Amino acid sequence: MDVLSVICLASIITAAFSKECSHPNKTDINYHWWSCGKGTIEIHDVLVVNSEGKEEYPFDLTKPIYVISNVTNFGPVYTDMTLSMYLWYLSPSKGCKYRRIPTLGMMEDLDACQNGVTCPVPHGPQRIKLKLDFTPFRIILSKLKRNAVFKMRYKVTDRISGATFCFVVETQVAKHPQ
């Protein structure tokens, strides 16, 4: 093997093991969100703020954050709902693809009305404010690297009808519970 081949091979190996992922959807400067699925609640916009009502990016998950959203509920009044949150992180070791963070069910099938959803959710257009408090999930979030990119799916399901609404937020996290 000639010297040039050795240098090229060493460069490729170094790049493979030191690769950093680029921020998808400009998450280096702002969060990115989208609605997931076709439910009876249509989400028109999402604004994430801190407890003082100010936009803050990247997010500080050591304190509750709030999602303010204009929505339209085309279904009935919802009073008995569950909340499930799913998390992924962007992994350089897997070709810059998202890897699911195992939560062992700790963030699934929670009582939505006791975990940040203002209940009941009436029929028609409205502005809702969801409280997202990640501090009870310290053990899970402590595995995230500071300034890492992660994705969260927030899904609310009506226990009676099975109707759902959900959104995904792709973001960078400045601080997380230790």
Protein backbone atom coordinates (compact mmCIF):
# COMPACT_ATOMS: atom_id res chain seq x y z
CA MET A 1 0.00 0.00 0.00
CA ASP A 2 1.49 3.34 -0.99
CA VAL A 3 1.68 6.38 1.31
CA LEU A 4 -1.14 8.21 -0.47
CA SER A 5 -3.48 5.22 0.00
CA VAL A 6 -2.59 5.01 3.70
CA ILE A 7 -3.29 8.74 4.16
CA CYS A 8 -6.62 8.45 2.33
CA LEU A 9 -7.65 5.41 4.37
CA ALA A 10 -6.67 7.11 7.65
CA SER A 11 -8.66 10.21 6.65
CA ILE A 12 -11.75 8.14 5.87
CA ILE A 13 -11.53 6.26 9.19
CA THR A 14 -11.00 9.49 11.14
CA ALA A 15 -13.97 11.13 9.42
CA ALA A 16 -16.17 8.12 10.11
CA PHE A 17 -15.44 8.14 13.84
CA SER A 18 -15.43 11.90 14.42
CA LYS A 19 -18.43 12.75 12.29
CA GLU A 20 -20.78 15.40 13.60
CA CYS A 21 -24.27 15.59 12.23
CA SER A 22 -25.46 18.76 10.59
CA HIS A 23 -28.56 20.29 12.17
CA PRO A 24 -31.66 19.10 10.27
CA ASN A 25 -34.28 21.71 9.36
CA LYS A 26 -32.09 24.56 10.69
CA THR A 27 -32.46 23.37 14.29
CA ASP A 28 -29.21 25.16 15.07
CA ILE A 29 -31.21 28.43 15.01
CA ASN A 30 -34.81 27.42 15.81
CA TYR A 31 -37.05 24.46 16.54
CA HIS A 32 -39.00 22.81 13.74
CA TRP A 33 -42.46 21.29 14.19
CA TRP A 34 -45.07 19.44 12.19
CA SER A 35 -48.42 17.83 12.82
CA CYS A 36 -48.42 14.04 12.76
CA GLY A 37 -51.48 12.23 11.56
CA LYS A 38 -54.97 13.31 10.65
CA GLY A 39 -56.93 13.64 13.87
CA THR A 40 -60.03 15.59 14.81
CA ILE A 41 -57.89 18.44 16.15
CA GLU A 42 -56.06 20.49 13.54
CA ILE A 43 -52.94 22.28 14.76
CA HIS A 44 -52.37 25.60 12.98
CA ASP A 45 -49.21 26.86 14.69
CA VAL A 46 -46.85 26.14 17.57
CA LEU A 47 -45.00 28.64 19.75
CA VAL A 48 -42.69 27.40 22.52
CA VAL A 49 -42.07 29.74 25.47
CA ASN A 50 -40.56 29.62 28.95
CA SER A 51 -42.45 30.25 32.21
CA GLU A 52 -42.15 34.03 31.68
CA GLY A 53 -43.84 33.71 28.28
CA LYS A 54 -40.64 34.49 26.34
CA GLU A 55 -39.32 32.54 23.41
CA GLU A 56 -36.07 30.84 24.33
CA TYR A 57 -33.93 28.68 22.09
CA PRO A 58 -32.37 26.21 22.55
CA PHE A 59 -34.73 24.83 25.19
CA ASP A 60 -33.89 24.60 28.89
CA LEU A 61 -35.56 21.40 30.06
CA THR A 62 -34.56 21.93 33.71
CA LYS A 63 -37.77 23.99 33.96
CA PRO A 64 -41.22 23.51 32.41
CA ILE A 65 -41.72 24.91 28.91
CA TYR A 66 -45.04 25.82 27.35
CA VAL A 67 -46.45 25.18 23.89
CA ILE A 68 -49.01 27.75 22.79
CA SER A 69 -50.99 26.72 19.75
CA ASN A 70 -54.00 27.79 17.72
CA VAL A 71 -56.05 24.67 17.04
CA THR A 72 -59.47 23.69 15.78
CA ASN A 73 -61.27 20.77 17.40
CA PHE A 74 -63.62 19.29 14.78
CA GLY A 75 -64.70 16.57 17.19
CA PRO A 76 -66.68 16.54 20.43
CA VAL A 77 -65.55 18.00 23.75
CA TYR A 78 -62.67 15.87 25.05
CA THR A 79 -62.46 15.36 28.81
CA ASP A 80 -60.70 12.02 29.37
CA MET A 81 -57.39 11.81 27.50
CA THR A 82 -54.03 10.08 27.68
CA LEU A 83 -50.67 11.57 26.79
CA SER A 84 -47.71 9.72 25.31
CA MET A 85 -44.35 11.30 24.53
CA TYR A 86 -41.70 9.59 22.44
CA LEU A 87 -38.09 10.79 22.14
CA TRP A 88 -35.31 10.30 19.59
CA TYR A 89 -31.79 11.73 19.38
CA LEU A 90 -29.68 12.37 16.30
CA SER A 91 -26.87 9.82 16.32
CA PRO A 92 -23.61 10.43 14.44
CA SER A 93 -22.68 6.76 14.94
CA LYS A 94 -25.70 5.61 12.93
CA GLY A 95 -25.14 7.76 9.85
CA CYS A 96 -26.84 10.81 11.37
CA LYS A 97 -30.18 9.10 11.77
CA TYR A 98 -32.55 9.39 14.70
CA ARG A 99 -32.40 6.68 17.37
CA ARG A 100 -35.27 6.12 19.78
CA ILE A 101 -34.55 6.85 23.42
CA PRO A 102 -35.95 4.01 25.51
CA THR A 103 -38.34 5.39 28.13
CA LEU A 104 -39.53 2.04 29.52
CA GLY A 105 -43.12 3.27 29.30
CA MET A 106 -42.51 6.11 31.78
CA MET A 107 -43.72 8.69 29.25
CA GLU A 108 -46.66 6.74 27.81
CA ASP A 109 -50.37 6.55 28.64
CA LEU A 110 -50.14 9.37 31.20
CA ASP A 111 -53.27 11.19 32.31
CA ALA A 112 -53.18 14.13 29.88
CA CYS A 113 -55.23 16.42 32.13
CA GLN A 114 -52.74 15.87 34.97
CA ASN A 115 -49.71 16.28 32.69
CA GLY A 116 -50.00 19.65 31.01
CA VAL A 117 -53.11 19.47 28.79
CA THR A 118 -55.80 21.99 29.71
CA CYS A 119 -59.02 20.00 30.06
CA PRO A 120 -61.65 19.83 28.78
CA VAL A 121 -60.79 20.53 25.14
CA PRO A 122 -63.95 22.15 23.71
CA HIS A 123 -65.26 21.88 20.16
CA GLY A 124 -64.23 24.62 17.69
CA PRO A 125 -61.30 27.00 17.18
CA GLN A 126 -59.22 27.91 20.24
CA ARG A 127 -55.83 28.82 21.58
CA ILE A 128 -54.39 26.17 23.88
CA LYS A 129 -51.42 26.20 26.21
CA LEU A 130 -49.70 22.90 26.96
CA LYS A 131 -47.26 22.62 29.84
CA LEU A 132 -44.31 20.33 29.13
CA ASP A 133 -42.47 19.45 32.32
CA PHE A 134 -39.57 17.08 31.70
CA THR A 135 -38.13 17.28 35.22
CA PRO A 136 -39.79 13.99 36.33
CA PHE A 137 -37.92 12.28 33.48
CA ARG A 138 -34.40 13.33 34.60
CA ILE A 139 -33.08 9.81 34.37
CA ILE A 140 -34.02 9.58 30.69
CA LEU A 141 -33.00 13.09 29.63
CA SER A 142 -29.67 13.02 31.46
CA LYS A 143 -28.47 10.74 28.66
CA LEU A 144 -28.81 13.54 26.09
CA LYS A 145 -25.70 15.51 25.24
CA ARG A 146 -25.92 19.23 25.78
CA ASN A 147 -26.80 20.99 22.50
CA ALA A 148 -27.75 17.64 20.99
CA VAL A 149 -30.54 17.54 18.44
CA PHE A 150 -33.53 15.52 19.46
CA LYS A 151 -37.05 14.90 18.28
CA MET A 152 -40.15 14.52 20.42
CA ARG A 153 -43.58 13.24 19.41
CA TYR A 154 -46.38 14.50 21.67
CA LYS A 155 -49.56 12.46 21.23
CA VAL A 156 -52.88 12.97 23.02
CA THR A 157 -55.59 10.30 22.70
CA ASP A 158 -59.22 10.50 23.81
CA ARG A 159 -59.95 7.40 25.91
CA ILE A 160 -63.60 7.27 24.83
CA SER A 161 -63.41 7.70 21.03
CA GLY A 162 -59.75 6.88 20.37
CA ALA A 163 -59.38 10.20 18.51
CA THR A 164 -55.86 11.63 18.61
CA PHE A 165 -53.91 14.76 17.94
CA CYS A 166 -50.17 14.92 17.84
CA PHE A 167 -47.23 17.01 16.81
CA VAL A 168 -43.50 16.48 16.47
CA VAL A 169 -40.89 18.99 17.58
CA GLU A 170 -37.33 18.74 16.33
CA THR A 171 -35.03 20.81 18.51
CA GLN A 172 -31.74 21.41 20.20
CA VAL A 173 -31.53 21.25 24.00
CA ALA A 174 -29.29 23.68 25.91
CA LYS A 175 -29.92 22.24 29.37
CA HIS A 176 -31.62 19.16 30.64
CA PRO A 177 -32.35 17.77 34.11
CA GLN A 178 -29.30 16.10 35.65
